[in-house]
N, C-alpha and C. Protein backbone atom coordinates (compact mmCIF):
# COMPACT_ATOMS: atom_id res chain seq x y z
N UNK A 1 61.43 53.72 -23.82
CA UNK A 1 60.61 54.25 -22.75
C UNK A 1 59.20 54.60 -23.25
N UNK A 2 59.13 55.13 -24.47
CA UNK A 2 57.83 55.49 -25.03
C UNK A 2 56.95 54.25 -25.21
N UNK A 3 57.57 53.13 -25.55
CA UNK A 3 56.82 51.89 -25.71
C UNK A 3 56.13 51.51 -24.40
N UNK A 4 56.82 51.66 -23.29
CA UNK A 4 56.24 51.34 -21.98
C UNK A 4 55.08 52.27 -21.67
N UNK A 5 55.24 53.55 -21.97
CA UNK A 5 54.15 54.51 -21.75
C UNK A 5 52.94 54.15 -22.61
N UNK A 6 53.17 53.71 -23.83
CA UNK A 6 52.08 53.31 -24.70
C UNK A 6 51.36 52.07 -24.17
N UNK A 7 52.13 51.14 -23.62
CA UNK A 7 51.50 49.95 -23.02
C UNK A 7 50.62 50.34 -21.84
N UNK A 8 51.11 51.21 -20.99
CA UNK A 8 50.33 51.67 -19.84
C UNK A 8 49.07 52.37 -20.31
N UNK A 9 49.20 53.18 -21.34
CA UNK A 9 48.06 53.91 -21.90
C UNK A 9 47.00 52.93 -22.41
N UNK A 10 47.44 51.88 -23.12
CA UNK A 10 46.50 50.88 -23.63
C UNK A 10 45.81 50.13 -22.49
N UNK A 11 46.56 49.78 -21.45
CA UNK A 11 45.96 49.06 -20.32
C UNK A 11 44.93 49.92 -19.58
N UNK A 12 45.24 51.20 -19.41
CA UNK A 12 44.27 52.09 -18.76
C UNK A 12 43.03 52.27 -19.61
N UNK A 13 43.21 52.38 -20.93
CA UNK A 13 42.07 52.51 -21.83
C UNK A 13 41.20 51.26 -21.77
N UNK A 14 41.83 50.09 -21.71
CA UNK A 14 41.10 48.83 -21.63
C UNK A 14 40.30 48.75 -20.33
N UNK A 15 40.90 49.16 -19.22
CA UNK A 15 40.20 49.15 -17.93
C UNK A 15 39.02 50.12 -17.96
N UNK A 16 39.19 51.26 -18.58
CA UNK A 16 38.10 52.23 -18.69
C UNK A 16 36.96 51.67 -19.53
N UNK A 17 37.29 51.04 -20.66
CA UNK A 17 36.25 50.44 -21.50
C UNK A 17 35.49 49.35 -20.76
N UNK A 18 36.21 48.54 -19.98
CA UNK A 18 35.54 47.47 -19.22
C UNK A 18 34.59 48.05 -18.18
N UNK A 19 35.02 49.10 -17.50
CA UNK A 19 34.17 49.73 -16.48
C UNK A 19 32.92 50.34 -17.12
N UNK A 20 33.09 51.02 -18.24
CA UNK A 20 31.95 51.62 -18.92
C UNK A 20 31.01 50.54 -19.47
N UNK A 21 31.56 49.44 -19.96
CA UNK A 21 30.73 48.35 -20.46
C UNK A 21 29.92 47.73 -19.34
N UNK A 22 30.56 47.53 -18.18
CA UNK A 22 29.83 46.98 -17.02
C UNK A 22 28.70 47.93 -16.62
N UNK A 23 28.99 49.23 -16.57
CA UNK A 23 27.96 50.21 -16.20
C UNK A 23 26.81 50.17 -17.21
N UNK A 24 27.14 50.10 -18.49
CA UNK A 24 26.11 50.07 -19.52
C UNK A 24 25.23 48.83 -19.38
N UNK A 25 25.85 47.66 -19.20
CA UNK A 25 25.09 46.42 -19.08
C UNK A 25 24.22 46.42 -17.82
N UNK A 26 24.76 46.92 -16.72
CA UNK A 26 24.00 46.93 -15.46
C UNK A 26 22.82 47.87 -15.53
N UNK A 27 23.03 49.08 -16.05
CA UNK A 27 21.92 50.04 -16.13
C UNK A 27 20.86 49.57 -17.13
N UNK A 28 21.28 48.90 -18.21
CA UNK A 28 20.31 48.36 -19.16
C UNK A 28 19.46 47.28 -18.50
N UNK A 29 20.10 46.41 -17.74
CA UNK A 29 19.37 45.36 -17.03
C UNK A 29 18.37 45.97 -16.03
N UNK A 30 18.81 46.95 -15.26
CA UNK A 30 17.92 47.57 -14.28
C UNK A 30 16.75 48.27 -14.96
N UNK A 31 17.02 48.97 -16.07
CA UNK A 31 15.96 49.69 -16.77
C UNK A 31 14.94 48.74 -17.37
N UNK A 32 15.38 47.58 -17.86
CA UNK A 32 14.45 46.63 -18.45
C UNK A 32 13.70 45.81 -17.41
N UNK A 33 14.30 45.60 -16.25
CA UNK A 33 13.71 44.72 -15.25
C UNK A 33 12.71 45.41 -14.34
N UNK A 34 12.99 46.63 -13.92
CA UNK A 34 12.18 47.30 -12.92
C UNK A 34 11.42 48.47 -13.52
N UNK A 35 10.19 48.68 -13.04
CA UNK A 35 9.35 49.77 -13.53
C UNK A 35 9.71 51.10 -12.93
N UNK A 36 10.12 51.12 -11.67
CA UNK A 36 10.50 52.35 -11.00
C UNK A 36 11.90 52.18 -10.43
N UNK A 37 12.74 53.14 -10.70
CA UNK A 37 14.10 53.13 -10.17
C UNK A 37 14.23 54.32 -9.24
N UNK A 38 14.65 54.07 -8.01
CA UNK A 38 14.83 55.13 -7.02
C UNK A 38 16.30 55.45 -6.94
N UNK A 39 16.64 56.72 -7.10
CA UNK A 39 18.02 57.16 -7.13
C UNK A 39 18.28 58.05 -5.92
N UNK A 40 19.26 57.70 -5.11
CA UNK A 40 19.60 58.52 -3.95
C UNK A 40 20.43 59.72 -4.40
N UNK A 41 20.14 60.86 -3.82
CA UNK A 41 20.91 62.06 -4.12
C UNK A 41 21.95 62.24 -3.02
N UNK A 42 23.08 61.57 -3.18
CA UNK A 42 24.14 61.62 -2.18
C UNK A 42 25.25 62.55 -2.63
N UNK A 43 25.78 63.30 -1.70
CA UNK A 43 26.95 64.13 -1.96
C UNK A 43 28.16 63.36 -1.42
N UNK A 44 28.73 62.52 -2.24
CA UNK A 44 29.78 61.61 -1.79
C UNK A 44 31.05 62.35 -1.40
N UNK A 45 31.33 63.47 -2.07
CA UNK A 45 32.54 64.21 -1.74
C UNK A 45 32.52 64.72 -0.30
N UNK A 46 31.33 65.07 0.20
CA UNK A 46 31.27 65.54 1.59
C UNK A 46 31.20 64.38 2.58
N UNK A 47 30.99 63.16 2.08
CA UNK A 47 30.91 62.00 2.97
C UNK A 47 32.29 61.40 3.24
N UNK A 48 33.28 61.74 2.45
CA UNK A 48 34.61 61.19 2.65
C UNK A 48 35.41 62.09 3.56
N UNK A 49 36.12 61.49 4.46
CA UNK A 49 36.91 62.26 5.41
C UNK A 49 38.28 62.56 4.82
N UNK A 50 38.69 63.80 4.91
CA UNK A 50 40.00 64.20 4.41
C UNK A 50 41.08 63.74 5.39
N UNK A 51 42.21 63.30 4.89
CA UNK A 51 43.28 62.88 5.80
C UNK A 51 43.86 64.08 6.55
N UNK A 52 44.40 63.78 7.71
CA UNK A 52 44.99 64.83 8.54
C UNK A 52 46.22 65.40 7.83
N UNK A 53 46.36 66.74 7.74
CA UNK A 53 47.51 67.31 7.04
C UNK A 53 48.83 66.96 7.73
N UNK A 54 49.84 66.70 6.90
CA UNK A 54 51.16 66.36 7.42
C UNK A 54 52.07 67.56 7.26
N UNK A 55 52.80 67.94 8.30
CA UNK A 55 53.71 69.09 8.18
C UNK A 55 54.86 68.80 7.22
N UNK A 56 55.26 69.82 6.49
CA UNK A 56 56.37 69.71 5.55
C UNK A 56 57.68 69.82 6.34
N UNK A 57 58.54 68.78 6.30
CA UNK A 57 59.77 68.83 7.10
C UNK A 57 60.77 69.87 6.58
N UNK A 58 60.69 70.20 5.28
CA UNK A 58 61.63 71.16 4.71
C UNK A 58 61.22 72.61 4.92
N UNK A 59 59.93 72.88 4.97
CA UNK A 59 59.42 74.24 5.12
C UNK A 59 58.55 74.32 6.37
N UNK A 60 59.06 74.91 7.41
CA UNK A 60 58.32 74.99 8.66
C UNK A 60 57.10 75.88 8.49
N UNK A 61 55.99 75.44 9.02
CA UNK A 61 54.75 76.19 8.91
C UNK A 61 53.92 75.82 7.69
N UNK A 62 54.48 75.04 6.77
CA UNK A 62 53.75 74.58 5.58
C UNK A 62 53.40 73.10 5.73
N UNK A 63 52.47 72.67 4.88
CA UNK A 63 52.01 71.28 4.94
C UNK A 63 52.19 70.62 3.58
N UNK A 64 52.36 69.29 3.60
CA UNK A 64 52.47 68.51 2.38
C UNK A 64 51.09 68.32 1.77
N UNK A 65 51.06 68.07 0.45
CA UNK A 65 49.78 67.80 -0.22
C UNK A 65 49.25 66.44 0.21
N UNK A 66 47.94 66.33 0.33
CA UNK A 66 47.32 65.06 0.73
C UNK A 66 46.92 64.21 -0.46
N UNK A 67 47.10 64.70 -1.66
CA UNK A 67 46.71 63.93 -2.84
C UNK A 67 45.50 64.55 -3.51
N UNK A 68 45.05 63.93 -4.61
CA UNK A 68 43.93 64.50 -5.36
C UNK A 68 42.61 64.30 -4.64
N UNK A 69 41.66 65.15 -4.98
CA UNK A 69 40.31 65.02 -4.42
C UNK A 69 39.64 63.80 -5.02
N UNK A 70 38.72 63.16 -4.27
CA UNK A 70 38.02 62.02 -4.85
C UNK A 70 37.12 62.46 -6.00
N UNK A 71 36.97 61.60 -6.99
CA UNK A 71 36.15 61.92 -8.14
C UNK A 71 34.67 61.69 -7.83
N UNK A 72 33.79 62.49 -8.42
CA UNK A 72 32.36 62.22 -8.23
C UNK A 72 31.96 60.93 -8.94
N UNK A 73 30.95 60.27 -8.41
CA UNK A 73 30.50 59.00 -8.96
C UNK A 73 29.56 59.27 -10.14
N UNK A 74 29.72 58.51 -11.23
CA UNK A 74 28.84 58.66 -12.37
C UNK A 74 27.55 57.90 -12.12
N UNK A 75 26.45 58.44 -12.59
CA UNK A 75 25.16 57.77 -12.45
C UNK A 75 24.74 57.21 -13.80
N UNK A 76 23.69 56.41 -13.77
CA UNK A 76 23.19 55.81 -15.01
C UNK A 76 22.62 56.90 -15.90
N UNK A 77 22.72 56.73 -17.21
CA UNK A 77 22.14 57.71 -18.12
C UNK A 77 20.64 57.85 -17.92
N UNK A 78 20.15 59.08 -17.95
CA UNK A 78 18.75 59.33 -17.64
C UNK A 78 17.82 58.73 -18.69
N UNK A 79 18.25 58.58 -19.95
CA UNK A 79 17.36 58.01 -20.95
C UNK A 79 17.05 56.55 -20.64
N UNK A 80 17.95 55.85 -19.95
CA UNK A 80 17.67 54.47 -19.56
C UNK A 80 16.73 54.44 -18.35
N UNK A 81 16.91 55.39 -17.46
CA UNK A 81 16.09 55.37 -16.25
C UNK A 81 14.65 55.77 -16.53
N UNK A 82 14.42 56.60 -17.56
CA UNK A 82 13.07 57.09 -17.81
C UNK A 82 12.42 56.49 -19.04
N UNK A 83 13.13 55.67 -19.80
CA UNK A 83 12.60 55.16 -21.06
C UNK A 83 11.60 54.03 -20.87
N UNK A 84 10.76 53.82 -21.88
CA UNK A 84 9.85 52.68 -21.91
C UNK A 84 8.77 52.72 -20.86
N UNK A 85 8.26 53.87 -20.50
CA UNK A 85 7.18 53.96 -19.53
C UNK A 85 7.63 53.79 -18.10
N UNK A 86 8.91 53.78 -17.86
CA UNK A 86 9.42 53.64 -16.50
C UNK A 86 9.51 55.01 -15.86
N UNK A 87 9.53 55.03 -14.56
CA UNK A 87 9.62 56.31 -13.86
C UNK A 87 10.89 56.35 -13.02
N UNK A 88 11.28 57.55 -12.71
CA UNK A 88 12.45 57.77 -11.87
C UNK A 88 12.05 58.76 -10.79
N UNK A 89 12.45 58.46 -9.56
CA UNK A 89 12.12 59.36 -8.47
C UNK A 89 13.36 59.59 -7.63
N UNK A 90 13.89 60.84 -7.61
CA UNK A 90 15.04 61.11 -6.74
C UNK A 90 14.61 61.14 -5.28
N UNK A 91 15.46 60.59 -4.43
CA UNK A 91 15.17 60.50 -3.00
C UNK A 91 16.36 61.08 -2.24
N UNK A 92 16.10 61.81 -1.18
CA UNK A 92 17.16 62.38 -0.36
C UNK A 92 17.95 61.30 0.35
N UNK A 93 19.08 61.66 0.96
CA UNK A 93 19.97 60.66 1.53
C UNK A 93 19.51 60.05 2.85
N UNK A 94 18.58 60.66 3.57
CA UNK A 94 18.19 60.10 4.87
C UNK A 94 17.00 59.16 4.72
N UNK A 95 17.15 57.94 5.16
CA UNK A 95 16.13 56.88 5.13
C UNK A 95 15.50 56.70 3.76
N UNK A 96 16.28 56.44 2.72
CA UNK A 96 15.71 56.34 1.38
C UNK A 96 14.79 55.14 1.19
N UNK A 97 15.07 54.03 1.88
CA UNK A 97 14.23 52.85 1.67
C UNK A 97 12.84 53.05 2.26
N UNK A 98 12.71 53.84 3.28
CA UNK A 98 11.39 54.10 3.86
C UNK A 98 10.58 55.01 2.96
N UNK A 99 11.24 56.01 2.36
CA UNK A 99 10.51 57.00 1.57
C UNK A 99 10.29 56.55 0.13
N UNK A 100 11.11 55.63 -0.39
CA UNK A 100 10.99 55.25 -1.80
C UNK A 100 9.74 54.44 -2.07
N UNK A 101 9.25 53.68 -1.11
CA UNK A 101 8.06 52.87 -1.34
C UNK A 101 6.78 53.65 -1.10
N UNK A 102 6.87 54.82 -0.51
CA UNK A 102 5.70 55.62 -0.20
C UNK A 102 5.14 56.25 -1.48
N UNK A 103 3.86 56.17 -1.67
CA UNK A 103 3.20 56.77 -2.82
C UNK A 103 2.94 58.24 -2.54
N UNK A 104 3.24 59.09 -3.51
CA UNK A 104 2.98 60.53 -3.35
C UNK A 104 1.60 60.88 -3.85
């Protein structure tokens, strides 16, 4: 049984490494290609709708768990976004494409 758990652990570690490698390659490409990167400040946890609570059939008046909360999204490392004479400008969530091109 331990062997199976170790296999699962290795597969999850491999998936995590692949995701981090993709993020690293993508952010490096964006940082090298574009002079200004506009980052939206979104609160994703408040944008997701929670499922309707289900009553617990064994305990009247109680509810079953709906599962874990969604994880926050990781952003690109700031040293990539600001390095090499590039600039970074945070933009609020409403109409970001209209405000990102505007010069301050």
